[in-house]
C-alpha atoms as a PDB file:
ATOM      1  CA  MET A   1      -1.683 -20.312  18.641  1.00  0.00           C
ATOM      2  CA  ALA A   2      -0.884 -22.420  15.833  1.00  0.00           C
ATOM      3  CA  THR A   3       0.348 -25.996  15.282  1.00  0.00           C
ATOM      4  CA  THR A   4       2.134 -25.675  11.850  1.00  0.00           C
ATOM      5  CA  VAL A   5       4.565 -23.222  10.394  1.00  0.00           C
ATOM      6  CA  ASN A   6       2.205 -22.309   7.636  1.00  0.00           C
ATOM      7  CA  ASN A   7      -0.622 -21.793   9.865  1.00  0.00           C
ATOM      8  CA  ALA A   8       1.533 -19.501  12.162  1.00  0.00           C
ATOM      9  CA  PHE A   9       2.606 -17.394   9.314  1.00  0.00           C
ATOM     10  CA  ALA A  10      -0.981 -16.953   7.810  1.00  0.00           C
ATOM     11  CA  GLU A  11      -1.956 -15.662  11.227  1.00  0.00           C
ATOM     12  CA  PHE A  12       1.037 -13.363  11.618  1.00  0.00           C
ATOM     13  CA  MET A  13       0.577 -11.998   8.297  1.00  0.00           C
ATOM     14  CA  ARG A  14      -2.937 -11.292   8.769  1.00  0.00           C
ATOM     15  CA  ASP A  15      -3.056 -10.170  12.462  1.00  0.00           C
ATOM     16  CA  ILE A  16       0.179  -8.528  12.817  1.00  0.00           C
ATOM     17  CA  VAL A  17       1.990  -7.502   9.398  1.00  0.00           C
ATOM     18  CA  ASN A  18      -0.689  -6.734   7.055  1.00  0.00           C
ATOM     19  CA  LEU A  19      -2.519  -3.476   7.406  1.00  0.00           C
ATOM     20  CA  ASP A  20      -5.995  -4.120   8.781  1.00  0.00           C
ATOM     21  CA  PRO A  21      -8.474  -4.072   5.803  1.00  0.00           C
ATOM     22  CA  ASP A  22     -11.071  -1.804   7.747  1.00  0.00           C
ATOM     23  CA  VAL A  23      -8.266   0.688   8.607  1.00  0.00           C
ATOM     24  CA  VAL A  24      -7.037   1.032   4.913  1.00  0.00           C
ATOM     25  CA  SER A  25     -10.814   1.476   3.775  1.00  0.00           C
ATOM     26  CA  LYS A  26     -11.233   4.513   6.263  1.00  0.00           C
ATOM     27  CA  ALA A  27      -7.745   5.745   5.246  1.00  0.00           C
ATOM     28  CA  ARG A  28      -8.687   5.989   1.728  1.00  0.00           C
ATOM     29  CA  THR A  29     -12.030   7.662   2.538  1.00  0.00           C
ATOM     30  CA  SER A  30     -10.324  10.183   4.798  1.00  0.00           C
ATOM     31  CA  ARG A  31      -7.769  10.768   2.038  1.00  0.00           C
ATOM     32  CA  ASP A  32     -10.300  11.628  -0.753  1.00  0.00           C
ATOM     33  CA  ASN A  33     -12.265  13.683   1.616  1.00  0.00           C
ATOM     34  CA  LEU A  34      -8.965  15.867   2.162  1.00  0.00           C
ATOM     35  CA  LEU A  35      -8.300  15.869  -1.401  1.00  0.00           C
ATOM     36  CA  ASP A  36     -11.688  17.129  -2.061  1.00  0.00           C
ATOM     37  CA  ASN A  37     -11.387  20.001   0.697  1.00  0.00           C
ATOM     38  CA  ILE A  38      -8.074  20.887  -0.885  1.00  0.00           C
ATOM     39  CA  ALA A  39      -9.481  21.077  -4.146  1.00  0.00           C
ATOM     40  CA  GLU A  40     -11.977  23.913  -2.877  1.00  0.00           C
ATOM     41  CA  PHE A  41      -8.544  26.271  -2.282  1.00  0.00           C
ATOM     42  CA  ASP A  42      -8.348  26.287  -6.271  1.00  0.00           C
ATOM     43  CA  ASP A  43      -7.208  30.029  -7.118  1.00  0.00           C
ATOM     44  CA  LYS A  44      -9.553  31.491  -4.309  1.00  0.00           C
ATOM     45  CA  ASP A  45      -8.385  34.358  -2.175  1.00  0.00           C
ATOM     46  CA  GLY A  46      -5.385  34.488  -3.595  1.00  0.00           C
ATOM     47  CA  PHE A  47      -4.238  31.013  -3.412  1.00  0.00           C
ATOM     48  CA  PHE A  48      -2.287  28.774  -6.079  1.00  0.00           C
ATOM     49  CA  ASN A  49      -4.301  27.848  -9.346  1.00  0.00           C
ATOM     50  CA  LEU A  50      -4.413  23.828  -8.357  1.00  0.00           C
ATOM     51  CA  CYS A  51      -4.188  21.146 -10.971  1.00  0.00           C
ATOM     52  CA  ASP A  52      -5.637  17.899  -9.539  1.00  0.00           C
ATOM     53  CA  SER A  53      -4.954  15.910 -12.783  1.00  0.00           C
ATOM     54  CA  PHE A  54      -1.578  15.388 -11.372  1.00  0.00           C
ATOM     55  CA  ASN A  55      -2.366  14.795  -7.642  1.00  0.00           C
ATOM     56  CA  VAL A  56      -0.426  11.497  -6.711  1.00  0.00           C
ATOM     57  CA  HIS A  57      -0.879   9.164  -4.066  1.00  0.00           C
ATOM     58  CA  PHE A  58       2.624   7.959  -3.481  1.00  0.00           C
ATOM     59  CA  GLY A  59       4.914   6.237  -0.792  1.00  0.00           C
ATOM     60  CA  SER A  60       4.349   2.795   0.626  1.00  0.00           C
ATOM     61  CA  PHE A  61       0.591   3.030   1.290  1.00  0.00           C
ATOM     62  CA  ALA A  62      -0.090   3.670  -2.357  1.00  0.00           C
ATOM     63  CA  ARG A  63       2.357   0.909  -3.408  1.00  0.00           C
ATOM     64  CA  LYS A  64       0.825  -1.612  -1.057  1.00  0.00           C
ATOM     65  CA  THR A  65       4.172  -2.278   0.568  1.00  0.00           C
ATOM     66  CA  LYS A  66       3.578  -0.654   4.191  1.00  0.00           C
ATOM     67  CA  CYS A  67       3.131  -3.143   7.229  1.00  0.00           C
ATOM     68  CA  ARG A  68       1.097  -2.519  10.324  1.00  0.00           C
ATOM     69  CA  ASP A  69       0.683  -0.060  11.741  1.00  0.00           C
ATOM     70  CA  LEU A  70      -0.777   2.729   9.420  1.00  0.00           C
ATOM     71  CA  ASP A  71       1.297   5.722  10.601  1.00  0.00           C
ATOM     72  CA  ASP A  72       1.237   8.077   7.437  1.00  0.00           C
ATOM     73  CA  VAL A  73      -0.509   8.408   3.952  1.00  0.00           C
ATOM     74  CA  ASP A  74       1.644  10.440   1.612  1.00  0.00           C
ATOM     75  CA  LEU A  75      -0.039  13.020  -0.816  1.00  0.00           C
ATOM     76  CA  MET A  76       1.373  15.232  -3.741  1.00  0.00           C
ATOM     77  CA  ILE A  77      -0.732  18.139  -4.673  1.00  0.00           C
ATOM     78  CA  GLY A  78      -0.369  19.621  -7.906  1.00  0.00           C
ATOM     79  CA  ILE A  79       0.151  23.100  -8.565  1.00  0.00           C
ATOM     80  CA  ALA A  80      -0.570  24.633 -12.213  1.00  0.00           C
ATOM     81  CA  ALA A  81       2.604  26.310 -13.585  1.00  0.00           C
ATOM     82  CA  ASN A  82       0.734  29.327 -14.931  1.00  0.00           C
ATOM     83  CA  GLY A  83       3.946  30.130 -16.831  1.00  0.00           C
ATOM     84  CA  ALA A  84       6.240  28.998 -14.319  1.00  0.00           C
ATOM     85  CA  THR A  85       9.534  27.643 -15.871  1.00  0.00           C
ATOM     86  CA  TYR A  86      12.281  25.377 -14.334  1.00  0.00           C
ATOM     87  CA  TYR A  87      16.000  24.997 -14.584  1.00  0.00           C
ATOM     88  CA  SER A  88      16.236  21.420 -16.134  1.00  0.00           C
ATOM     89  CA  ASP A  89      20.020  21.306 -15.821  1.00  0.00           C
ATOM     90  CA  ASP A  90      19.933  21.887 -12.059  1.00  0.00           C
ATOM     91  CA  PRO A  91      21.097  19.073  -9.830  1.00  0.00           C
ATOM     92  CA  TRP A  92      18.362  16.723  -9.530  1.00  0.00           C
ATOM     93  CA  ASP A  93      17.460  17.743  -5.631  1.00  0.00           C
ATOM     94  CA  GLU A  94      18.617  21.543  -6.213  1.00  0.00           C
ATOM     95  CA  VAL A  95      16.136  22.679  -9.057  1.00  0.00           C
ATOM     96  CA  ARG A  96      15.184  26.262  -8.972  1.00  0.00           C
ATOM     97  CA  ILE A  97      11.840  27.420 -10.483  1.00  0.00           C
ATOM     98  CA  THR A  98      11.198  30.789 -11.787  1.00  0.00           C
ATOM     99  CA  ALA A  99       7.648  31.836 -10.499  1.00  0.00           C
ATOM    100  CA  SER A 100       4.905  32.781 -12.462  1.00  0.00           C
ATOM    101  CA  THR A 101       4.523  36.489 -13.179  1.00  0.00           C
ATOM    102  CA  THR A 102       0.677  36.065 -13.314  1.00  0.00           C
ATOM    103  CA  ASN A 103      -0.243  34.134 -10.402  1.00  0.00           C
ATOM    104  CA  ALA A 104      -0.513  36.045  -7.173  1.00  0.00           C
ATOM    105  CA  ALA A 105       0.227  33.165  -4.889  1.00  0.00           C
ATOM    106  CA  GLN A 106       3.389  32.386  -6.498  1.00  0.00           C
ATOM    107  CA  LYS A 107       4.494  36.031  -6.876  1.00  0.00           C
ATOM    108  CA  GLY A 108       3.908  36.128  -3.170  1.00  0.00           C
ATOM    109  CA  CYS A 109       6.355  33.219  -2.649  1.00  0.00           C
ATOM    110  CA  THR A 110       9.548  34.397  -4.476  1.00  0.00           C
ATOM    111  CA  ARG A 111      12.930  35.417  -3.719  1.00  0.00           C
ATOM    112  CA  GLU A 112      14.616  38.563  -5.074  1.00  0.00           C
ATOM    113  CA  ASP A 113      16.050  36.740  -8.027  1.00  0.00           C
ATOM    114  CA  GLY A 114      12.359  35.735  -9.041  1.00  0.00           C
ATOM    115  CA  THR A 115      12.577  31.953  -8.165  1.00  0.00           C
ATOM    116  CA  LEU A 116       9.836  30.347  -6.023  1.00  0.00           C
ATOM    117  CA  ASN A 117      10.812  29.379  -2.471  1.00  0.00           C
ATOM    118  CA  SER A 118       9.356  26.088  -1.887  1.00  0.00           C
ATOM    119  CA  THR A 119       9.295  26.671   2.062  1.00  0.00           C
ATOM    120  CA  GLN A 120       6.984  29.458   1.474  1.00  0.00           C
ATOM    121  CA  VAL A 121       4.854  27.352  -0.655  1.00  0.00           C
ATOM    122  CA  ALA A 122       4.378  24.751   1.597  1.00  0.00           C
ATOM    123  CA  ASN A 123       3.755  27.278   4.505  1.00  0.00           C
ATOM    124  CA  LYS A 124       0.855  28.797   2.346  1.00  0.00           C
ATOM    125  CA  PHE A 125      -0.383  25.293   2.098  1.00  0.00           C
ATOM    126  CA  LYS A 126      -0.184  24.838   5.933  1.00  0.00           C
ATOM    127  CA  LYS A 127      -2.024  28.167   6.627  1.00  0.00           C
ATOM    128  CA  LYS A 128      -4.579  27.216   4.261  1.00  0.00           C
ATOM    129  CA  LEU A 129      -5.237  23.977   5.928  1.00  0.00           C
ATOM    130  CA  GLU A 130      -5.630  25.759   9.142  1.00  0.00           C
ATOM    131  CA  SER A 131      -8.211  27.627   8.092  1.00  0.00           C
ATOM    132  CA  VAL A 132     -10.713  24.682   7.436  1.00  0.00           C
ATOM    133  CA  ARG A 133     -12.899  24.054  10.031  1.00  0.00           C
ATOM    134  CA  GLU A 134     -12.743  20.422   9.896  1.00  0.00           C
ATOM    135  CA  TYR A 135      -9.032  20.274  10.532  1.00  0.00           C
ATOM    136  CA  SER A 136      -8.755  23.486  12.773  1.00  0.00           C
ATOM    137  CA  ARG A 137      -8.484  21.211  15.893  1.00  0.00           C
ATOM    138  CA  SER A 138      -5.910  18.963  14.260  1.00  0.00           C
ATOM    139  CA  GLU A 139      -2.131  19.176  14.706  1.00  0.00           C
ATOM    140  CA  ILE A 140      -1.031  21.086  11.477  1.00  0.00           C
ATOM    141  CA  ARG A 141       2.936  21.320  11.043  1.00  0.00           C
ATOM    142  CA  ARG A 142       5.541  21.420   8.404  1.00  0.00           C
ATOM    143  CA  ASN A 143       8.470  19.103   8.682  1.00  0.00           C
ATOM    144  CA  GLY A 144      11.185  19.531   6.134  1.00  0.00           C
ATOM    145  CA  GLU A 145       9.667  18.579   2.667  1.00  0.00           C
ATOM    146  CA  ALA A 146       6.018  18.091   4.034  1.00  0.00           C
ATOM    147  CA  ILE A 147       3.058  19.402   5.333  1.00  0.00           C
ATOM    148  CA  ILE A 148       1.736  17.080   8.208  1.00  0.00           C
ATOM    149  CA  LEU A 149      -1.723  16.960   9.244  1.00  0.00           C
ATOM    150  CA  SER A 150      -2.394  15.014  12.152  1.00  0.00           C
ATOM    151  CA  LEU A 151      -6.346  14.106  12.830  1.00  0.00           C
ATOM    152  CA  LYS A 152      -7.212  13.855  16.264  1.00  0.00           C
ATOM    153  CA  SER A 153      -9.875  11.037  15.542  1.00  0.00           C
ATOM    154  CA  LYS A 154      -7.066   9.080  13.430  1.00  0.00           C
ATOM    155  CA  GLU A 155      -4.150   6.880  14.133  1.00  0.00           C
ATOM    156  CA  TRP A 156      -2.498   8.018  11.087  1.00  0.00           C
ATOM    157  CA  SER A 157      -1.215  11.306   9.663  1.00  0.00           C
ATOM    158  CA  PHE A 158      -1.263  12.785   6.127  1.00  0.00           C
ATOM    159  CA  ASP A 159       2.221  13.891   4.750  1.00  0.00           C
ATOM    160  CA  MET A 160       1.716  16.295   1.858  1.00  0.00           C
ATOM    161  CA  VAL A 161       3.848  17.876  -0.398  1.00  0.00           C
ATOM    162  CA  PRO A 162       3.051  20.515  -3.024  1.00  0.00           C
ATOM    163  CA  CYS A 163       4.404  19.593  -6.733  1.00  0.00           C
ATOM    164  CA  PHE A 164       4.744  20.694 -10.160  1.00  0.00           C
ATOM    165  CA  HIS A 165       4.927  18.504 -13.254  1.00  0.00           C
ATOM    166  CA  THR A 166       7.561  19.148 -15.705  1.00  0.00           C
ATOM    167  CA  VAL A 167       7.500  18.883 -19.552  1.00  0.00           C
ATOM    168  CA  GLN A 168       9.188  16.018 -21.269  1.00  0.00           C
ATOM    169  CA  GLU A 169      13.039  16.422 -20.925  1.00  0.00           C
ATOM    170  CA  SER A 170      15.661  15.608 -23.535  1.00  0.00           C
ATOM    171  CA  ASN A 171      16.129  12.117 -21.933  1.00  0.00           C
ATOM    172  CA  GLY A 172      12.277  11.568 -22.819  1.00  0.00           C
ATOM    173  CA  ARG A 173      11.306  11.742 -19.099  1.00  0.00           C
ATOM    174  CA  SER A 174       9.131  14.288 -17.265  1.00  0.00           C
ATOM    175  CA  TYR A 175       9.518  14.636 -13.470  1.00  0.00           C
ATOM    176  CA  TYR A 176       7.701  15.881 -10.439  1.00  0.00           C
ATOM    177  CA  LEU A 177       9.033  18.831  -8.683  1.00  0.00           C
ATOM    178  CA  ILE A 178       8.400  18.869  -4.992  1.00  0.00           C
ATOM    179  CA  PRO A 179      10.344  20.837  -1.995  1.00  0.00           C
ATOM    180  CA  ASN A 180      13.619  19.682  -1.044  1.00  0.00           C
ATOM    181  CA  GLY A 181      13.674  20.899   2.563  1.00  0.00           C
ATOM    182  CA  ASN A 182      16.105  23.954   1.675  1.00  0.00           C
ATOM    183  CA  GLY A 183      13.775  26.177  -0.288  1.00  0.00           C
ATOM    184  CA  ASN A 184      14.488  24.901  -3.687  1.00  0.00           C
ATOM    185  CA  TRP A 185      12.860  21.888  -5.318  1.00  0.00           C
ATOM    186  CA  LYS A 186      13.782  18.161  -6.243  1.00  0.00           C
ATOM    187  CA  LYS A 187      12.899  15.936  -8.812  1.00  0.00           C
ATOM    188  CA  THR A 188      10.978  12.742  -8.123  1.00  0.00           C
ATOM    189  CA  ALA A 189       8.847  10.223 -10.068  1.00  0.00           C
ATOM    190  CA  PRO A 190       6.687   7.984  -7.995  1.00  0.00           C
ATOM    191  CA  ASP A 191       4.855   6.650 -11.037  1.00  0.00           C
ATOM    192  CA  LYS A 192       8.351   4.907 -11.892  1.00  0.00           C
ATOM    193  CA  ASP A 193       8.283   3.756  -8.380  1.00  0.00           C
ATOM    194  CA  LYS A 194       4.928   2.068  -8.299  1.00  0.00           C
ATOM    195  CA  GLY A 195       5.382   0.831 -11.919  1.00  0.00           C
ATOM    196  CA  HIS A 196       8.488  -1.135 -10.893  1.00  0.00           C
ATOM    197  CA  VAL A 197       7.165  -2.795  -7.793  1.00  0.00           C
ATOM    198  CA  THR A 198       3.753  -3.650  -9.328  1.00  0.00           C
ATOM    199  CA  SER A 199       5.685  -5.046 -12.557  1.00  0.00           C
ATOM    200  CA  THR A 200       7.901  -7.082 -10.217  1.00  0.00           C
ATOM    201  CA  ASN A 201       4.697  -8.630  -8.037  1.00  0.00           C
ATOM    202  CA  GLN A 202       3.120  -9.372 -11.257  1.00  0.00           C
ATOM    203  CA  SER A 203       6.106 -11.314 -12.515  1.00  0.00           C
ATOM    204  CA  LYS A 204       6.323 -13.074  -9.588  1.00  0.00           C
ATOM    205  CA  ASP A 205       2.770 -14.437  -9.406  1.00  0.00           C
ATOM    206  CA  GLY A 206       1.988 -11.694  -6.504  1.00  0.00           C
ATOM    207  CA  ARG A 207       4.568 -12.911  -4.026  1.00  0.00           C
ATOM    208  CA  VAL A 208       6.539  -9.641  -3.773  1.00  0.00           C
ATOM    209  CA  LEU A 209       4.197  -7.323  -1.987  1.00  0.00           C
ATOM    210  CA  GLU A 210       3.711  -9.509   1.214  1.00  0.00           C
ATOM    211  CA  LEU A 211       7.369 -10.099   1.418  1.00  0.00           C
ATOM    212  CA  ILE A 212       8.120  -6.650   1.426  1.00  0.00           C
ATOM    213  CA  ARG A 213       5.925  -5.984   4.410  1.00  0.00           C
ATOM    214  CA  LEU A 214       7.250  -9.143   6.162  1.00  0.00           C
ATOM    215  CA  CYS A 215      10.925  -7.933   5.857  1.00  0.00           C
ATOM    216  CA  LYS A 216       9.603  -4.173   7.034  1.00  0.00           C
ATOM    217  CA  LYS A 217       8.311  -5.876  10.043  1.00  0.00           C
ATOM    218  CA  TRP A 218      11.567  -7.868  10.453  1.00  0.00           C
ATOM    219  CA  ASN A 219      13.603  -4.732  10.083  1.00  0.00           C
ATOM    220  CA  LYS A 220      11.580  -3.242  13.198  1.00  0.00           C
ATOM    221  CA  VAL A 221      12.331  -6.374  15.562  1.00  0.00           C
ATOM    222  CA  LYS A 222      15.032  -5.738  18.150  1.00  0.00           C
ATOM    223  CA  ASN A 223      17.078  -3.641  16.101  1.00  0.00           C
ATOM    224  CA  ALA A 224      18.993  -0.763  17.257  1.00  0.00           C
ATOM    225  CA  GLN A 225      19.857   0.187  13.552  1.00  0.00           C
ATOM    226  CA  THR A 226      17.374  -0.230  10.910  1.00  0.00           C
ATOM    227  CA  LEU A 227      17.625  -0.182   6.982  1.00  0.00           C
ATOM    228  CA  PRO A 228      15.687   2.748   5.595  1.00  0.00           C
ATOM    229  CA  SER A 229      12.199   1.688   4.463  1.00  0.00           C
ATOM    230  CA  TYR A 230      12.752   2.896   0.726  1.00  0.00           C
ATOM    231  CA  LEU A 231      16.359   1.223   0.652  1.00  0.00           C
ATOM    232  CA  LEU A 232      15.024  -1.935   2.200  1.00  0.00           C
ATOM    233  CA  GLU A 233      12.228  -2.130  -0.167  1.00  0.00           C
ATOM    234  CA  THR A 234      14.556  -1.492  -3.128  1.00  0.00           C
ATOM    235  CA  MET A 235      16.843  -4.118  -1.946  1.00  0.00           C
ATOM    236  CA  ILE A 236      13.639  -6.653  -1.970  1.00  0.00           C
ATOM    237  CA  ILE A 237      12.665  -5.849  -5.202  1.00  0.00           C
ATOM    238  CA  ASN A 238      16.152  -6.218  -6.485  1.00  0.00           C
ATOM    239  CA  PHE A 239      16.261  -9.752  -5.067  1.00  0.00           C
ATOM    240  CA  ALA A 240      12.899 -10.605  -6.518  1.00  0.00           C
ATOM    241  CA  ASP A 241      14.073  -9.273  -9.854  1.00  0.00           C
ATOM    242  CA  SER A 242      17.284 -11.492  -9.766  1.00  0.00           C
ATOM    243  CA  GLN A 243      15.189 -14.719  -9.057  1.00  0.00           C
ATOM    244  CA  LYS A 244      13.545 -16.916 -11.651  1.00  0.00           C
ATOM    245  CA  GLU A 245      10.685 -17.526  -9.505  1.00  0.00           C
ATOM    246  CA  LEU A 246       9.783 -17.032  -5.884  1.00  0.00           C
ATOM    247  CA  SER A 247       8.658 -20.142  -3.278  1.00  0.00           C
ATOM    248  CA  GLN A 248       4.831 -20.195  -2.681  1.00  0.00           C
ATOM    249  CA  ARG A 249       5.792 -20.294   0.975  1.00  0.00           C
ATOM    250  CA  ILE A 250       6.279 -16.842   2.721  1.00  0.00           C
ATOM    251  CA  ASP A 251       9.002 -18.404   4.887  1.00  0.00           C
ATOM    252  CA  LEU A 252      11.232 -19.763   2.323  1.00  0.00           C
ATOM    253  CA  ARG A 253      10.791 -16.430   0.187  1.00  0.00           C
ATOM    254  CA  PHE A 254      11.867 -14.680   3.433  1.00  0.00           C
ATOM    255  CA  LYS A 255      14.818 -16.744   4.309  1.00  0.00           C
ATOM    256  CA  ASN A 256      16.224 -16.353   0.771  1.00  0.00           C
ATOM    257  CA  ALA A 257      15.552 -12.518   1.367  1.00  0.00           C
ATOM    258  CA  LEU A 258      17.642 -12.589   4.384  1.00  0.00           C
ATOM    259  CA  SER A 259      20.424 -14.145   2.505  1.00  0.00           C
ATOM    260  CA  TYR A 260      20.388 -11.516  -0.176  1.00  0.00           C
ATOM    261  CA  ILE A 261      20.335  -8.813   2.213  1.00  0.00           C
ATOM    262  CA  ALA A 262      23.286 -10.106   4.218  1.00  0.00           C
ATOM    263  CA  ARG A 263      25.272 -10.405   0.698  1.00  0.00           C
ATOM    264  CA  HIS A 264      24.343  -7.185  -0.867  1.00  0.00           C
ATOM    265  CA  ILE A 265      24.169  -4.872   2.202  1.00  0.00           C
ATOM    266  CA  PHE A 266      27.791  -3.326   1.333  1.00  0.00           C
ATOM    267  CA  SER A 267      26.790  -3.036  -2.458  1.00  0.00           C
ATOM    268  CA  PRO A 268      25.357  -0.057  -4.186  1.00  0.00           C
ATOM    269  CA  VAL A 269      21.378   0.311  -4.294  1.00  0.00           C
ATOM    270  CA  TYR A 270      20.245   2.409  -7.115  1.00  0.00           C
ATOM    271  CA  ASP A 271      16.786   3.941  -6.647  1.00  0.00           C
ATOM    272  CA  MET A 272      13.786   2.529  -8.652  1.00  0.00           C
ATOM    273  CA  LYS A 273      13.194   6.075 -10.189  1.00  0.00           C
ATOM    274  CA  GLU A 274      16.740   6.079 -11.700  1.00  0.00           C
ATOM    275  CA  ILE A 275      17.222   9.820 -10.403  1.00  0.00           C
ATOM    276  CA  GLN A 276      18.977   9.816  -7.123  1.00  0.00           C
ATOM    277  CA  GLY A 277      21.490   7.160  -7.880  1.00  0.00           C
ATOM    278  CA  ASP A 278      23.145   4.787  -4.992  1.00  0.00           C
ATOM    279  CA  ILE A 279      20.587   5.364  -2.073  1.00  0.00           C
ATOM    280  CA  ASN A 280      22.773   2.902   0.130  1.00  0.00           C
ATOM    281  CA  ASN A 281      24.143   5.900   2.451  1.00  0.00           C
ATOM    282  CA  LEU A 282      24.729   3.635   5.451  1.00  0.00           C
ATOM    283  CA  GLY A 283      27.929   3.998   7.357  1.00  0.00           C
ATOM    284  CA  LYS A 284      30.258   0.846   7.708  1.00  0.00           C
ATOM    285  CA  ASP A 285      29.295   0.056  11.247  1.00  0.00           C
ATOM    286  CA  ASP A 286      25.603   0.102  10.542  1.00  0.00           C
ATOM    287  CA  LYS A 287      26.176  -2.118   7.415  1.00  0.00           C
ATOM    288  CA  LEU A 288      28.034  -4.574   9.425  1.00  0.00           C
ATOM    289  CA  HIS A 289      25.485  -4.438  12.108  1.00  0.00           C
ATOM    290  CA  LEU A 290      22.681  -5.264   9.631  1.00  0.00           C
ATOM    291  CA  GLN A 291      24.703  -8.015   7.957  1.00  0.00           C
ATOM    292  CA  LYS A 292      25.252  -9.615  10.983  1.00  0.00           C
ATOM    293  CA  LYS A 293      21.503  -9.385  12.024  1.00  0.00           C
ATOM    294  CA  ALA A 294      20.528 -10.640   8.449  1.00  0.00           C
ATOM    295  CA  CYS A 295      23.153 -13.532   8.789  1.00  0.00           C
ATOM    296  CA  THR A 296      22.073 -14.656  12.223  1.00  0.00           C
ATOM    297  CA  ASP A 297      18.528 -14.661  11.399  1.00  0.00           C
ATOM    298  CA  TYR A 298      19.174 -16.263   8.230  1.00  0.00           C
ATOM    299  CA  ASN A 299      20.732 -19.100  10.127  1.00  0.00           C
ATOM    300  CA  LYS A 300      17.759 -19.596  12.628  1.00  0.00           C
ATOM    301  CA  ALA A 301      15.335 -19.737   9.374  1.00  0.00           C
ATOM    302  CA  CYS A 302      17.482 -22.513   8.077  1.00  0.00           C
ATOM    303  CA  GLU A 303      17.263 -24.327  11.632  1.00  0.00           C
ATOM    304  CA  ALA A 304      13.401 -23.368  11.536  1.00  0.00           C
ATOM    305  CA  TRP A 305      13.229 -25.371   8.212  1.00  0.00           C
ATOM    306  CA  GLN A 306      15.013 -28.311   9.061  1.00  0.00           C
ATOM    307  CA  GLN A 307      12.956 -28.617  12.191  1.00  0.00           C
ATOM    308  CA  GLU A 308       9.667 -28.429  10.275  1.00  0.00           C
ATOM    309  CA  GLN A 309      11.505 -31.045   7.743  1.00  0.00           C
ATOM    310  CA  ASP A 310      11.715 -33.212  10.702  1.00  0.00           C
ATOM    311  CA  GLY A 311       8.035 -32.711  11.662  1.00  0.00           C
ATOM    312  CA  ASN A 312       8.982 -30.773  14.805  1.00  0.00           C
ATOM    313  CA  HIS A 313       6.462 -27.922  14.035  1.00  0.00           C
ATOM    314  CA  LYS A 314       6.808 -26.705  17.761  1.00  0.00           C
ATOM    315  CA  GLU A 315      10.350 -25.807  17.721  1.00  0.00           C
ATOM    316  CA  ALA A 316      10.187 -24.421  14.137  1.00  0.00           C
ATOM    317  CA  ILE A 317       7.581 -22.182  15.520  1.00  0.00           C
ATOM    318  CA  LYS A 318       9.752 -21.356  18.325  1.00  0.00           C
ATOM    319  CA  LYS A 319      12.689 -20.648  16.125  1.00  0.00           C
ATOM    320  CA  TRP A 320      10.645 -18.213  14.201  1.00  0.00           C
ATOM    321  CA  GLY A 321       9.265 -16.405  17.189  1.00  0.00           C
ATOM    322  CA  GLU A 322      13.202 -15.642  17.866  1.00  0.00           C
ATOM    323  CA  ILE A 323      13.562 -13.857  14.785  1.00  0.00           C
ATOM    324  CA  PHE A 324      10.146 -11.973  14.810  1.00  0.00           C
ATOM    325  CA  GLY A 325       9.763 -11.598  18.480  1.00  0.00           C
ATOM    326  CA  SER A 326       6.644 -12.135  21.027  1.00  0.00           C
ATOM    327  CA  ASP A 327       4.302 -10.931  18.165  1.00  0.00           C
ATOM    328  CA  PHE A 328       4.922 -14.267  16.551  1.00  0.00           C
ATOM    329  CA  PRO A 329       2.232 -16.931  16.952  1.00  0.00           C
ATOM    330  CA  THR A 330       3.456 -19.699  19.600  1.00  0.00           C
ATOM    331  CA  TYR A 331       2.523 -23.242  19.204  1.00  0.00           C
ATOM    332  CA  GLY A 332      -0.576 -24.708  20.489  1.00  0.00           C
END
């Protein structure tokens, strides 16, 4: 219950949109414990030689752009190359790695041509996790690229991918190589994602992260077709980068972000890692649906703003409720 739009949004962000700080703290503790357990696998019983110096916390949880509820925490687990090499000229999402000739675990995951099968590498991690007493009663499965650990006592899962780190290439960049879901590997650079988000947020006085979370909440409301999370996040970063400054008010930032989405949903959207190229792979019908939703809710946001300017906070809050659904506070 709130009597002003500002109070309604403050309550909405605190209780519905932003992650519960207590849950975040527990998830980080659980994550660190998992990494400690994995570190004990290092070069034991024929397992990989691990390299925790490039373990990576990645994804929206690490970038602080995930909205409630916390459903997964992404981790990359570093493997030492031990002489393994890769084909730097391969397509970014079909990279071949020639396995180490000295590490038993790598040699056990090779194809006939000597290349390292990422599916077998992931399965080896899965089997090792199943041997840990702490996780023996949990659900552990492999889903495409990741090994998913769903702890019985937690509301979130851990999505883990094994990774290698490359040398610096001719373009001056180095990459992480993670499973591509088809047995080969693909390049990624989560540090570049995180760096771009952090830099944009800092340049806009810390007003971007909560805007991304609010947009992700909106994306889930009354929507048969949603924007993929990373695509939406990238669009909001692009929106923020295009603005000289962002309003102190979250409702006005959101209103303007809706306008940007409606105007750019048919345009190319290039990934922040500068690896994938255009990530806007939505079909025409889906783009039309999302454009209509963004336009409709932008007009409602304009109406809400006008009601507030006229001093009618009750109607303004009601209009915001039409946009965000029953989770948005009511007037009173």
